N, C-alpha and C. Protein backbone atom coordinates (compact mmCIF):
# COMPACT_ATOMS: atom_id res chain seq x y z
N MET A 1 18.89 -13.13 9.48
CA MET A 1 17.75 -12.24 9.68
C MET A 1 18.22 -10.79 9.63
N VAL A 2 17.53 -9.97 8.87
CA VAL A 2 17.88 -8.56 8.73
C VAL A 2 17.19 -7.74 9.81
N GLN A 3 17.96 -6.89 10.49
CA GLN A 3 17.40 -5.99 11.50
C GLN A 3 17.51 -4.56 10.98
N VAL A 4 16.43 -3.81 11.11
CA VAL A 4 16.42 -2.42 10.65
C VAL A 4 15.76 -1.55 11.71
N ALA A 5 16.37 -0.40 11.98
CA ALA A 5 15.78 0.59 12.88
C ALA A 5 15.88 1.95 12.22
N HIS A 6 14.86 2.77 12.39
CA HIS A 6 14.88 4.09 11.76
C HIS A 6 14.13 5.11 12.62
N VAL A 7 14.51 6.36 12.46
CA VAL A 7 13.90 7.42 13.26
C VAL A 7 14.11 8.76 12.57
N VAL A 8 13.19 9.68 12.81
CA VAL A 8 13.35 11.08 12.41
C VAL A 8 13.15 11.95 13.64
N VAL A 9 14.10 12.82 13.90
CA VAL A 9 13.93 13.84 14.92
C VAL A 9 13.83 15.17 14.18
N ALA A 10 12.69 15.80 14.27
CA ALA A 10 12.44 16.99 13.46
C ALA A 10 12.54 18.26 14.29
N SER A 11 13.16 19.26 13.69
CA SER A 11 13.17 20.60 14.27
C SER A 11 12.39 21.51 13.34
N HIS A 12 11.76 22.50 13.88
CA HIS A 12 10.98 23.46 13.09
C HIS A 12 9.89 22.74 12.30
N GLU A 13 9.84 22.91 10.98
CA GLU A 13 8.75 22.32 10.19
C GLU A 13 9.00 20.87 9.81
N GLY A 14 10.21 20.37 9.98
CA GLY A 14 10.47 18.98 9.69
C GLY A 14 10.67 18.70 8.21
N GLN A 15 11.93 18.71 7.76
CA GLN A 15 12.24 18.53 6.34
C GLN A 15 12.63 17.10 5.98
N ASP A 16 12.96 16.27 6.96
CA ASP A 16 13.47 14.93 6.69
C ASP A 16 12.35 13.89 6.65
N ARG A 17 12.58 12.88 5.81
CA ARG A 17 11.67 11.73 5.73
C ARG A 17 12.50 10.45 5.66
N VAL A 18 12.05 9.39 6.30
CA VAL A 18 12.70 8.08 6.17
C VAL A 18 11.64 7.03 5.94
N GLU A 19 12.02 5.96 5.24
CA GLU A 19 11.09 4.86 4.97
C GLU A 19 11.87 3.57 4.82
N VAL A 20 11.31 2.48 5.33
CA VAL A 20 11.87 1.15 5.18
C VAL A 20 10.74 0.23 4.74
N MET A 21 11.02 -0.60 3.73
CA MET A 21 9.98 -1.48 3.20
C MET A 21 10.61 -2.81 2.75
N ARG A 22 9.90 -3.90 3.02
CA ARG A 22 10.32 -5.21 2.52
C ARG A 22 9.66 -5.45 1.17
N LEU A 23 10.47 -5.83 0.17
CA LEU A 23 9.97 -6.21 -1.14
C LEU A 23 10.59 -7.56 -1.51
N GLY A 24 9.86 -8.62 -1.32
CA GLY A 24 10.40 -9.95 -1.60
C GLY A 24 11.59 -10.23 -0.70
N ASP A 25 12.74 -10.52 -1.32
CA ASP A 25 13.94 -10.82 -0.54
C ASP A 25 14.80 -9.58 -0.30
N ALA A 26 14.26 -8.40 -0.61
CA ALA A 26 15.01 -7.15 -0.46
C ALA A 26 14.44 -6.28 0.65
N THR A 27 15.33 -5.59 1.36
CA THR A 27 14.93 -4.55 2.32
C THR A 27 15.30 -3.22 1.69
N VAL A 28 14.30 -2.39 1.41
CA VAL A 28 14.50 -1.11 0.74
C VAL A 28 14.47 0.01 1.77
N MET A 29 15.45 0.92 1.69
CA MET A 29 15.60 2.00 2.67
C MET A 29 15.82 3.33 1.95
N VAL A 30 15.12 4.38 2.41
CA VAL A 30 15.26 5.70 1.80
C VAL A 30 15.32 6.77 2.89
N VAL A 31 16.27 7.70 2.75
CA VAL A 31 16.30 8.91 3.57
C VAL A 31 16.25 10.09 2.61
N ALA A 32 15.31 10.99 2.83
CA ALA A 32 15.17 12.19 2.00
C ALA A 32 15.20 13.42 2.89
N ASP A 33 15.93 14.44 2.47
CA ASP A 33 16.12 15.66 3.26
C ASP A 33 15.76 16.86 2.39
N GLY A 34 14.62 17.48 2.68
CA GLY A 34 14.17 18.63 1.92
C GLY A 34 15.09 19.83 2.10
N SER A 35 15.34 20.53 1.02
CA SER A 35 16.18 21.72 1.07
C SER A 35 15.49 22.83 1.84
N GLY A 36 16.15 23.33 2.87
CA GLY A 36 15.58 24.40 3.68
C GLY A 36 15.79 25.78 3.09
N GLY A 37 16.57 25.87 2.01
CA GLY A 37 16.87 27.16 1.42
C GLY A 37 15.83 27.64 0.44
N MET A 38 14.76 26.85 0.25
CA MET A 38 13.71 27.25 -0.67
C MET A 38 12.39 26.67 -0.17
N SER A 39 11.28 27.16 -0.71
CA SER A 39 9.97 26.66 -0.28
C SER A 39 9.74 25.26 -0.82
N GLY A 40 8.93 24.51 -0.10
CA GLY A 40 8.53 23.19 -0.58
C GLY A 40 9.51 22.07 -0.30
N GLY A 41 10.50 22.28 0.56
CA GLY A 41 11.49 21.25 0.82
C GLY A 41 10.89 20.00 1.43
N ALA A 42 10.04 20.15 2.42
CA ALA A 42 9.42 19.00 3.07
C ALA A 42 8.55 18.23 2.09
N GLN A 43 7.81 18.96 1.25
CA GLN A 43 6.96 18.32 0.26
C GLN A 43 7.79 17.57 -0.78
N ALA A 44 8.91 18.17 -1.17
CA ALA A 44 9.80 17.51 -2.14
C ALA A 44 10.33 16.20 -1.57
N ALA A 45 10.75 16.21 -0.30
CA ALA A 45 11.24 15.00 0.34
C ALA A 45 10.16 13.93 0.38
N GLU A 46 8.95 14.33 0.71
CA GLU A 46 7.83 13.38 0.78
C GLU A 46 7.52 12.80 -0.60
N HIS A 47 7.45 13.65 -1.61
CA HIS A 47 7.16 13.18 -2.97
C HIS A 47 8.26 12.26 -3.48
N ALA A 48 9.52 12.62 -3.22
CA ALA A 48 10.64 11.80 -3.68
C ALA A 48 10.59 10.42 -3.03
N LEU A 49 10.36 10.39 -1.73
CA LEU A 49 10.31 9.12 -1.01
C LEU A 49 9.20 8.23 -1.58
N ARG A 50 8.01 8.78 -1.76
CA ARG A 50 6.88 8.00 -2.26
C ARG A 50 7.13 7.52 -3.69
N GLU A 51 7.72 8.37 -4.52
CA GLU A 51 7.98 7.98 -5.91
C GLU A 51 9.00 6.85 -5.97
N ILE A 52 10.06 6.95 -5.18
CA ILE A 52 11.09 5.90 -5.17
C ILE A 52 10.50 4.58 -4.69
N MET A 53 9.71 4.62 -3.62
CA MET A 53 9.11 3.39 -3.10
C MET A 53 8.13 2.78 -4.09
N LYS A 54 7.42 3.60 -4.82
CA LYS A 54 6.47 3.10 -5.82
C LYS A 54 7.21 2.42 -6.98
N VAL A 55 8.24 3.09 -7.50
CA VAL A 55 8.98 2.56 -8.65
C VAL A 55 9.80 1.35 -8.26
N ALA A 56 10.25 1.28 -6.99
CA ALA A 56 11.07 0.15 -6.54
C ALA A 56 10.35 -1.18 -6.70
N ARG A 57 9.04 -1.17 -6.68
CA ARG A 57 8.26 -2.40 -6.84
C ARG A 57 8.40 -3.00 -8.23
N ARG A 58 8.86 -2.18 -9.20
CA ARG A 58 8.94 -2.65 -10.59
C ARG A 58 10.38 -2.81 -11.07
N LYS A 59 11.35 -2.61 -10.19
CA LYS A 59 12.75 -2.62 -10.61
C LYS A 59 13.50 -3.85 -10.09
N THR A 60 14.62 -4.15 -10.75
CA THR A 60 15.54 -5.16 -10.25
C THR A 60 16.46 -4.48 -9.25
N LEU A 61 16.23 -4.71 -7.99
CA LEU A 61 16.87 -3.91 -6.94
C LEU A 61 18.33 -4.24 -6.73
N SER A 62 18.80 -5.32 -7.30
CA SER A 62 20.20 -5.71 -7.14
C SER A 62 21.11 -5.10 -8.19
N GLU A 63 20.58 -4.21 -9.05
CA GLU A 63 21.38 -3.60 -10.11
C GLU A 63 21.55 -2.10 -9.86
N GLN A 64 22.79 -1.62 -9.97
CA GLN A 64 23.06 -0.19 -9.77
C GLN A 64 22.25 0.68 -10.72
N ALA A 65 22.11 0.23 -11.98
CA ALA A 65 21.39 1.03 -12.97
C ALA A 65 19.94 1.28 -12.57
N SER A 66 19.34 0.32 -11.85
CA SER A 66 17.97 0.50 -11.39
C SER A 66 17.87 1.68 -10.43
N TRP A 67 18.87 1.84 -9.58
CA TRP A 67 18.84 2.90 -8.56
C TRP A 67 19.09 4.27 -9.16
N THR A 68 20.03 4.38 -10.07
CA THR A 68 20.23 5.68 -10.72
C THR A 68 19.00 6.05 -11.54
N SER A 69 18.38 5.05 -12.16
CA SER A 69 17.16 5.30 -12.92
C SER A 69 16.01 5.75 -12.02
N MET A 70 15.86 5.10 -10.87
CA MET A 70 14.80 5.46 -9.93
C MET A 70 14.94 6.90 -9.44
N LEU A 71 16.17 7.29 -9.08
CA LEU A 71 16.38 8.65 -8.60
C LEU A 71 16.21 9.67 -9.72
N ALA A 72 16.60 9.31 -10.94
CA ALA A 72 16.40 10.21 -12.08
C ALA A 72 14.91 10.39 -12.36
N ASP A 73 14.14 9.29 -12.27
CA ASP A 73 12.69 9.39 -12.46
C ASP A 73 12.06 10.25 -11.37
N ALA A 74 12.51 10.06 -10.12
CA ALA A 74 11.99 10.87 -9.01
C ALA A 74 12.34 12.34 -9.20
N ASP A 75 13.53 12.61 -9.72
CA ASP A 75 13.95 13.99 -10.00
C ASP A 75 12.97 14.66 -10.97
N SER A 76 12.64 13.95 -12.04
CA SER A 76 11.70 14.50 -13.03
C SER A 76 10.32 14.70 -12.43
N GLU A 77 9.88 13.75 -11.61
CA GLU A 77 8.55 13.84 -11.01
C GLU A 77 8.46 15.00 -10.02
N VAL A 78 9.46 15.12 -9.15
CA VAL A 78 9.45 16.19 -8.14
C VAL A 78 9.61 17.55 -8.80
N ALA A 79 10.35 17.62 -9.90
CA ALA A 79 10.56 18.89 -10.61
C ALA A 79 9.26 19.48 -11.14
N ARG A 80 8.22 18.65 -11.31
CA ARG A 80 6.92 19.13 -11.77
C ARG A 80 6.15 19.81 -10.65
N ARG A 81 6.66 19.67 -9.45
CA ARG A 81 5.96 20.22 -8.28
C ARG A 81 6.74 21.42 -7.75
N THR A 82 7.02 21.40 -6.44
CA THR A 82 7.78 22.51 -5.87
C THR A 82 8.80 21.96 -4.88
N GLY A 83 9.92 22.63 -4.73
CA GLY A 83 10.92 22.23 -3.76
C GLY A 83 11.92 21.23 -4.31
N GLN A 84 13.02 21.06 -3.56
CA GLN A 84 14.08 20.13 -3.91
C GLN A 84 14.57 19.42 -2.65
N CYS A 85 15.29 18.32 -2.85
CA CYS A 85 15.75 17.56 -1.69
C CYS A 85 16.99 16.75 -2.03
N ALA A 86 17.69 16.32 -0.99
CA ALA A 86 18.76 15.34 -1.09
C ALA A 86 18.17 13.98 -0.75
N VAL A 87 18.70 12.93 -1.37
CA VAL A 87 18.17 11.58 -1.16
C VAL A 87 19.30 10.57 -1.16
N VAL A 88 19.21 9.59 -0.27
CA VAL A 88 20.01 8.37 -0.37
C VAL A 88 19.04 7.20 -0.27
N ALA A 89 19.16 6.25 -1.20
CA ALA A 89 18.26 5.11 -1.24
C ALA A 89 19.06 3.86 -1.53
N ALA A 90 18.67 2.75 -0.91
CA ALA A 90 19.42 1.52 -1.09
C ALA A 90 18.55 0.32 -0.78
N ALA A 91 18.99 -0.83 -1.27
CA ALA A 91 18.36 -2.10 -0.93
C ALA A 91 19.43 -3.05 -0.41
N LEU A 92 19.06 -3.85 0.57
CA LEU A 92 19.89 -4.97 1.01
C LEU A 92 19.26 -6.23 0.44
N VAL A 93 19.98 -6.88 -0.48
CA VAL A 93 19.51 -8.11 -1.12
C VAL A 93 20.52 -9.20 -0.79
N ALA A 94 20.08 -10.18 0.01
CA ALA A 94 20.99 -11.16 0.58
C ALA A 94 22.03 -10.39 1.40
N ASP A 95 23.30 -10.40 1.02
CA ASP A 95 24.33 -9.67 1.76
C ASP A 95 24.84 -8.46 0.99
N ARG A 96 24.21 -8.16 -0.15
CA ARG A 96 24.66 -7.06 -1.02
C ARG A 96 23.85 -5.80 -0.77
N ILE A 97 24.57 -4.69 -0.67
CA ILE A 97 23.95 -3.37 -0.58
C ILE A 97 24.10 -2.71 -1.94
N VAL A 98 22.99 -2.25 -2.53
CA VAL A 98 23.02 -1.55 -3.80
C VAL A 98 22.12 -0.33 -3.68
N GLY A 99 22.61 0.84 -4.12
CA GLY A 99 21.79 2.03 -4.02
C GLY A 99 22.37 3.19 -4.80
N ALA A 100 21.84 4.39 -4.51
CA ALA A 100 22.31 5.60 -5.18
C ALA A 100 21.95 6.80 -4.32
N SER A 101 22.59 7.92 -4.60
CA SER A 101 22.31 9.14 -3.83
C SER A 101 22.41 10.38 -4.71
N VAL A 102 21.75 11.43 -4.22
CA VAL A 102 21.84 12.78 -4.78
C VAL A 102 21.89 13.73 -3.60
N GLY A 103 22.82 14.65 -3.60
CA GLY A 103 22.89 15.63 -2.52
C GLY A 103 23.82 15.19 -1.41
N ASP A 104 23.48 15.56 -0.16
CA ASP A 104 24.40 15.31 0.95
C ASP A 104 23.87 14.35 2.00
N CYS A 105 22.81 13.59 1.68
CA CYS A 105 22.48 12.45 2.53
C CYS A 105 23.54 11.37 2.27
N GLY A 106 23.86 10.58 3.26
CA GLY A 106 24.97 9.65 3.09
C GLY A 106 24.63 8.21 3.45
N ALA A 107 25.45 7.30 2.91
CA ALA A 107 25.40 5.89 3.27
C ALA A 107 26.79 5.48 3.72
N TRP A 108 26.90 5.03 4.95
CA TRP A 108 28.18 4.59 5.50
C TRP A 108 28.06 3.12 5.90
N LEU A 109 29.13 2.38 5.64
CA LEU A 109 29.25 1.02 6.13
C LEU A 109 30.20 1.07 7.32
N VAL A 110 29.65 0.82 8.50
CA VAL A 110 30.40 0.98 9.75
C VAL A 110 30.82 -0.39 10.26
N GLY A 111 32.13 -0.64 10.25
CA GLY A 111 32.66 -1.92 10.70
C GLY A 111 33.63 -1.76 11.84
N VAL A 112 34.20 -2.85 12.28
CA VAL A 112 35.12 -2.82 13.41
C VAL A 112 36.39 -2.04 13.07
N ASN A 113 36.72 -1.94 11.81
CA ASN A 113 37.95 -1.24 11.40
C ASN A 113 37.71 0.19 10.91
N GLY A 114 36.49 0.68 11.07
CA GLY A 114 36.22 2.07 10.68
C GLY A 114 35.02 2.21 9.76
N ILE A 115 34.99 3.33 9.05
CA ILE A 115 33.85 3.71 8.22
C ILE A 115 34.24 3.69 6.75
N ASP A 116 33.39 3.07 5.94
CA ASP A 116 33.52 3.13 4.49
C ASP A 116 32.37 4.00 3.98
N ASP A 117 32.68 5.20 3.50
CA ASP A 117 31.67 6.13 3.00
C ASP A 117 31.27 5.70 1.59
N LEU A 118 30.13 5.04 1.46
CA LEU A 118 29.69 4.53 0.17
C LEU A 118 29.26 5.66 -0.78
N THR A 119 28.97 6.81 -0.22
CA THR A 119 28.50 7.95 -1.03
C THR A 119 29.58 9.02 -1.18
N ALA A 120 30.83 8.64 -1.03
CA ALA A 120 31.93 9.61 -1.10
C ALA A 120 32.00 10.33 -2.44
N THR A 121 31.56 9.68 -3.52
CA THR A 121 31.66 10.28 -4.85
C THR A 121 30.34 10.90 -5.33
N GLN A 122 29.37 11.03 -4.44
CA GLN A 122 28.08 11.58 -4.85
C GLN A 122 28.20 13.03 -5.32
N VAL A 123 27.22 13.45 -6.13
CA VAL A 123 27.16 14.82 -6.64
C VAL A 123 26.17 15.59 -5.76
N ARG A 124 26.65 16.61 -5.07
CA ARG A 124 25.82 17.31 -4.09
C ARG A 124 24.79 18.24 -4.73
N LYS A 125 25.13 18.85 -5.84
CA LYS A 125 24.18 19.73 -6.54
C LYS A 125 24.35 19.53 -8.03
N PRO A 126 23.25 19.65 -8.80
CA PRO A 126 21.90 20.03 -8.41
C PRO A 126 21.17 18.95 -7.62
N LEU A 127 20.23 19.40 -6.79
CA LEU A 127 19.47 18.49 -5.94
C LEU A 127 18.36 17.79 -6.72
N LEU A 128 17.82 16.75 -6.12
CA LEU A 128 16.68 16.07 -6.70
C LEU A 128 15.48 17.01 -6.66
N GLY A 129 14.81 17.13 -7.79
CA GLY A 129 13.71 18.08 -7.92
C GLY A 129 14.08 19.27 -8.78
N SER A 130 15.36 19.37 -9.11
CA SER A 130 15.83 20.44 -10.00
C SER A 130 15.57 20.09 -11.46
N GLY A 131 15.36 18.79 -11.74
CA GLY A 131 15.26 18.31 -13.11
C GLY A 131 16.61 18.06 -13.75
N GLU A 132 17.68 18.31 -12.96
CA GLU A 132 19.04 18.14 -13.48
C GLU A 132 19.92 17.33 -12.53
N ALA A 133 19.31 16.61 -11.60
CA ALA A 133 20.07 15.84 -10.61
C ALA A 133 20.91 14.76 -11.28
N LEU A 134 22.04 14.43 -10.67
CA LEU A 134 22.97 13.43 -11.20
C LEU A 134 23.18 12.33 -10.16
N PRO A 135 22.28 11.34 -10.13
CA PRO A 135 22.42 10.25 -9.15
C PRO A 135 23.70 9.45 -9.38
N VAL A 136 24.34 9.07 -8.28
CA VAL A 136 25.56 8.25 -8.33
C VAL A 136 25.29 6.97 -7.54
N ALA A 137 25.55 5.84 -8.19
CA ALA A 137 25.27 4.54 -7.58
C ALA A 137 26.42 4.09 -6.67
N PHE A 138 26.10 3.18 -5.77
CA PHE A 138 27.12 2.55 -4.91
C PHE A 138 26.73 1.11 -4.66
N GLU A 139 27.71 0.31 -4.26
CA GLU A 139 27.49 -1.10 -3.98
C GLU A 139 28.51 -1.57 -2.96
N ALA A 140 28.11 -2.48 -2.09
CA ALA A 140 29.02 -3.01 -1.07
C ALA A 140 28.47 -4.34 -0.55
N ILE A 141 29.27 -5.02 0.25
CA ILE A 141 28.86 -6.25 0.93
C ILE A 141 28.73 -5.94 2.42
N LEU A 142 27.59 -6.30 3.00
CA LEU A 142 27.31 -5.96 4.40
C LEU A 142 28.17 -6.75 5.38
N ARG A 143 28.24 -8.05 5.22
CA ARG A 143 28.95 -8.95 6.14
C ARG A 143 28.54 -8.66 7.59
N ASP A 144 29.53 -8.38 8.47
CA ASP A 144 29.21 -8.17 9.89
C ASP A 144 29.21 -6.68 10.25
N ALA A 145 29.15 -5.82 9.25
CA ALA A 145 29.13 -4.38 9.49
C ALA A 145 27.70 -3.89 9.70
N THR A 146 27.56 -2.61 10.00
CA THR A 146 26.25 -1.96 10.13
C THR A 146 26.13 -0.92 9.03
N LEU A 147 25.03 -0.94 8.31
CA LEU A 147 24.76 0.06 7.29
C LEU A 147 24.03 1.24 7.91
N LEU A 148 24.57 2.43 7.70
CA LEU A 148 23.97 3.67 8.20
C LEU A 148 23.56 4.52 7.00
N LEU A 149 22.28 4.87 6.93
CA LEU A 149 21.79 5.88 5.99
C LEU A 149 21.32 7.06 6.81
N ALA A 150 21.74 8.27 6.45
CA ALA A 150 21.40 9.43 7.28
C ALA A 150 21.40 10.72 6.48
N SER A 151 20.65 11.66 6.99
CA SER A 151 20.67 13.02 6.43
C SER A 151 21.86 13.78 6.99
N ASP A 152 22.13 14.94 6.41
CA ASP A 152 23.29 15.71 6.86
C ASP A 152 23.07 16.31 8.25
N GLY A 153 21.86 16.24 8.76
CA GLY A 153 21.63 16.69 10.13
C GLY A 153 22.44 15.89 11.13
N LEU A 154 22.72 14.62 10.80
CA LEU A 154 23.62 13.81 11.62
C LEU A 154 25.05 13.88 11.10
N LEU A 155 25.25 13.68 9.80
CA LEU A 155 26.59 13.54 9.25
C LEU A 155 27.39 14.84 9.32
N LYS A 156 26.71 15.97 9.27
CA LYS A 156 27.39 17.27 9.32
C LYS A 156 27.66 17.71 10.76
N TYR A 157 26.75 17.38 11.65
CA TYR A 157 26.84 17.93 13.02
C TYR A 157 27.26 16.89 14.07
N GLY A 158 27.32 15.63 13.70
CA GLY A 158 27.79 14.61 14.63
C GLY A 158 29.25 14.27 14.38
N ARG A 159 30.01 14.02 15.43
CA ARG A 159 31.41 13.63 15.27
C ARG A 159 31.50 12.25 14.65
N ARG A 160 32.34 12.11 13.64
CA ARG A 160 32.47 10.87 12.89
C ARG A 160 32.82 9.68 13.79
N ASP A 161 33.75 9.87 14.71
CA ASP A 161 34.14 8.75 15.58
C ASP A 161 33.02 8.34 16.51
N ARG A 162 32.25 9.33 16.98
CA ARG A 162 31.12 9.03 17.87
C ARG A 162 29.99 8.33 17.11
N ILE A 163 29.75 8.76 15.88
CA ILE A 163 28.75 8.10 15.03
C ILE A 163 29.11 6.63 14.88
N ALA A 164 30.39 6.36 14.62
CA ALA A 164 30.84 4.98 14.42
C ALA A 164 30.60 4.13 15.65
N VAL A 165 30.91 4.67 16.82
CA VAL A 165 30.73 3.93 18.08
C VAL A 165 29.26 3.62 18.32
N LEU A 166 28.40 4.62 18.16
CA LEU A 166 26.98 4.43 18.42
C LEU A 166 26.35 3.48 17.41
N ALA A 167 26.74 3.59 16.15
CA ALA A 167 26.16 2.75 15.10
C ALA A 167 26.46 1.27 15.33
N ARG A 168 27.55 0.99 16.03
CA ARG A 168 27.94 -0.40 16.31
C ARG A 168 27.31 -0.93 17.60
N GLY A 169 26.45 -0.15 18.23
CA GLY A 169 25.83 -0.58 19.47
C GLY A 169 25.06 -1.88 19.33
N ALA A 170 25.01 -2.66 20.40
CA ALA A 170 24.41 -3.99 20.35
C ALA A 170 22.91 -3.94 20.06
N ASP A 171 22.22 -2.98 20.63
CA ASP A 171 20.77 -2.84 20.45
C ASP A 171 20.52 -1.79 19.37
N LEU A 172 20.01 -2.24 18.22
CA LEU A 172 19.85 -1.35 17.08
C LEU A 172 18.84 -0.23 17.36
N GLN A 173 17.78 -0.54 18.09
CA GLN A 173 16.76 0.47 18.39
C GLN A 173 17.33 1.57 19.29
N VAL A 174 18.13 1.17 20.25
CA VAL A 174 18.79 2.15 21.13
C VAL A 174 19.80 2.96 20.33
N ALA A 175 20.58 2.28 19.50
CA ALA A 175 21.62 2.96 18.72
C ALA A 175 21.06 4.01 17.80
N VAL A 176 19.95 3.72 17.14
CA VAL A 176 19.40 4.67 16.18
C VAL A 176 18.85 5.92 16.90
N ARG A 177 18.31 5.72 18.07
CA ARG A 177 17.81 6.88 18.84
C ARG A 177 18.98 7.72 19.38
N GLN A 178 20.03 7.06 19.81
CA GLN A 178 21.21 7.80 20.27
C GLN A 178 21.84 8.61 19.15
N LEU A 179 21.88 8.03 17.96
CA LEU A 179 22.43 8.76 16.81
C LEU A 179 21.57 9.97 16.47
N ALA A 180 20.26 9.81 16.53
CA ALA A 180 19.36 10.92 16.21
C ALA A 180 19.51 12.08 17.19
N GLU A 181 19.90 11.75 18.42
CA GLU A 181 20.06 12.79 19.45
C GLU A 181 21.48 13.35 19.49
N LEU A 182 22.41 12.73 18.79
CA LEU A 182 23.82 13.12 18.88
C LEU A 182 24.08 14.59 18.57
N PRO A 183 23.45 15.18 17.53
CA PRO A 183 23.75 16.58 17.21
C PRO A 183 23.09 17.60 18.14
N ARG A 184 22.24 17.16 19.09
CA ARG A 184 21.50 18.11 19.90
C ARG A 184 22.43 19.00 20.71
N LEU A 185 22.15 20.29 20.71
CA LEU A 185 22.98 21.28 21.39
C LEU A 185 22.67 21.32 22.88
N ARG A 186 23.54 21.96 23.64
CA ARG A 186 23.32 22.08 25.09
C ARG A 186 22.01 22.80 25.39
N SER A 187 21.60 23.68 24.51
CA SER A 187 20.35 24.41 24.70
C SER A 187 19.13 23.51 24.54
N GLY A 188 19.35 22.30 23.99
CA GLY A 188 18.25 21.39 23.73
C GLY A 188 17.76 21.44 22.29
N ALA A 189 18.26 22.39 21.53
CA ALA A 189 17.84 22.55 20.13
C ALA A 189 18.67 21.65 19.21
N LEU A 190 18.11 21.36 18.06
CA LEU A 190 18.84 20.66 17.02
C LEU A 190 19.26 21.65 15.95
N PRO A 191 20.50 21.57 15.44
CA PRO A 191 20.93 22.47 14.38
C PRO A 191 20.24 22.17 13.05
N ASP A 192 19.67 20.97 12.90
CA ASP A 192 19.00 20.56 11.67
C ASP A 192 18.17 19.33 11.98
N ASP A 193 17.23 19.00 11.07
CA ASP A 193 16.50 17.74 11.21
C ASP A 193 17.47 16.57 11.09
N VAL A 194 17.11 15.47 11.70
CA VAL A 194 17.95 14.26 11.65
C VAL A 194 17.09 13.09 11.23
N GLY A 195 17.46 12.46 10.12
CA GLY A 195 16.83 11.23 9.67
C GLY A 195 17.88 10.13 9.62
N VAL A 196 17.62 8.99 10.26
CA VAL A 196 18.61 7.92 10.39
C VAL A 196 17.98 6.56 10.16
N ILE A 197 18.68 5.69 9.43
CA ILE A 197 18.33 4.28 9.31
C ILE A 197 19.58 3.47 9.61
N LEU A 198 19.43 2.44 10.42
CA LEU A 198 20.51 1.48 10.68
C LEU A 198 20.04 0.10 10.23
N CYS A 199 20.93 -0.66 9.63
CA CYS A 199 20.60 -1.98 9.15
C CYS A 199 21.79 -2.92 9.35
N ARG A 200 21.51 -4.10 9.85
CA ARG A 200 22.56 -5.12 9.95
C ARG A 200 21.95 -6.51 9.83
N SER A 201 22.78 -7.46 9.53
CA SER A 201 22.32 -8.83 9.37
C SER A 201 22.71 -9.64 10.59
């Protein structure tokens, strides 16, 4: 049985979006983070998420080429509008994780022996919505690990070792909320929006 938990903690106007959807035997997960350096970031994240989820219904989700194609299509679609965003999207099909990313949202496989950064080779710029994004695919086997998809609001401002400990927590709903709160400053403010998805079998 697949367990999934997700949350967004938004600061200011809220640039992050997350979505989880079941499609047949696949669990589809998307985290999108609108660029705050230009107008329309939140809208770009929303459009990208909706476009990916729509196209995912027509794709073979177990193939890397499907994911790079989906993100490339979303790039073209969002480029007709306004704003840009980073995206990480993936499906869990049986025990296989297949997905792709653009920008600095990340996918980590967190196991007892540490973290495997599935998006280590991603291209950070140009962002999705530029019309020139370069999606990079990834693939892994879940086994007894926990899959973490997150925006840079967590990955940039949370300590890597602490992220690993929390992501392995027994209660997935508690763990995802703890991760979302991890970057919060002593003042109570967040340095950035945080979008997080945790998945395990």
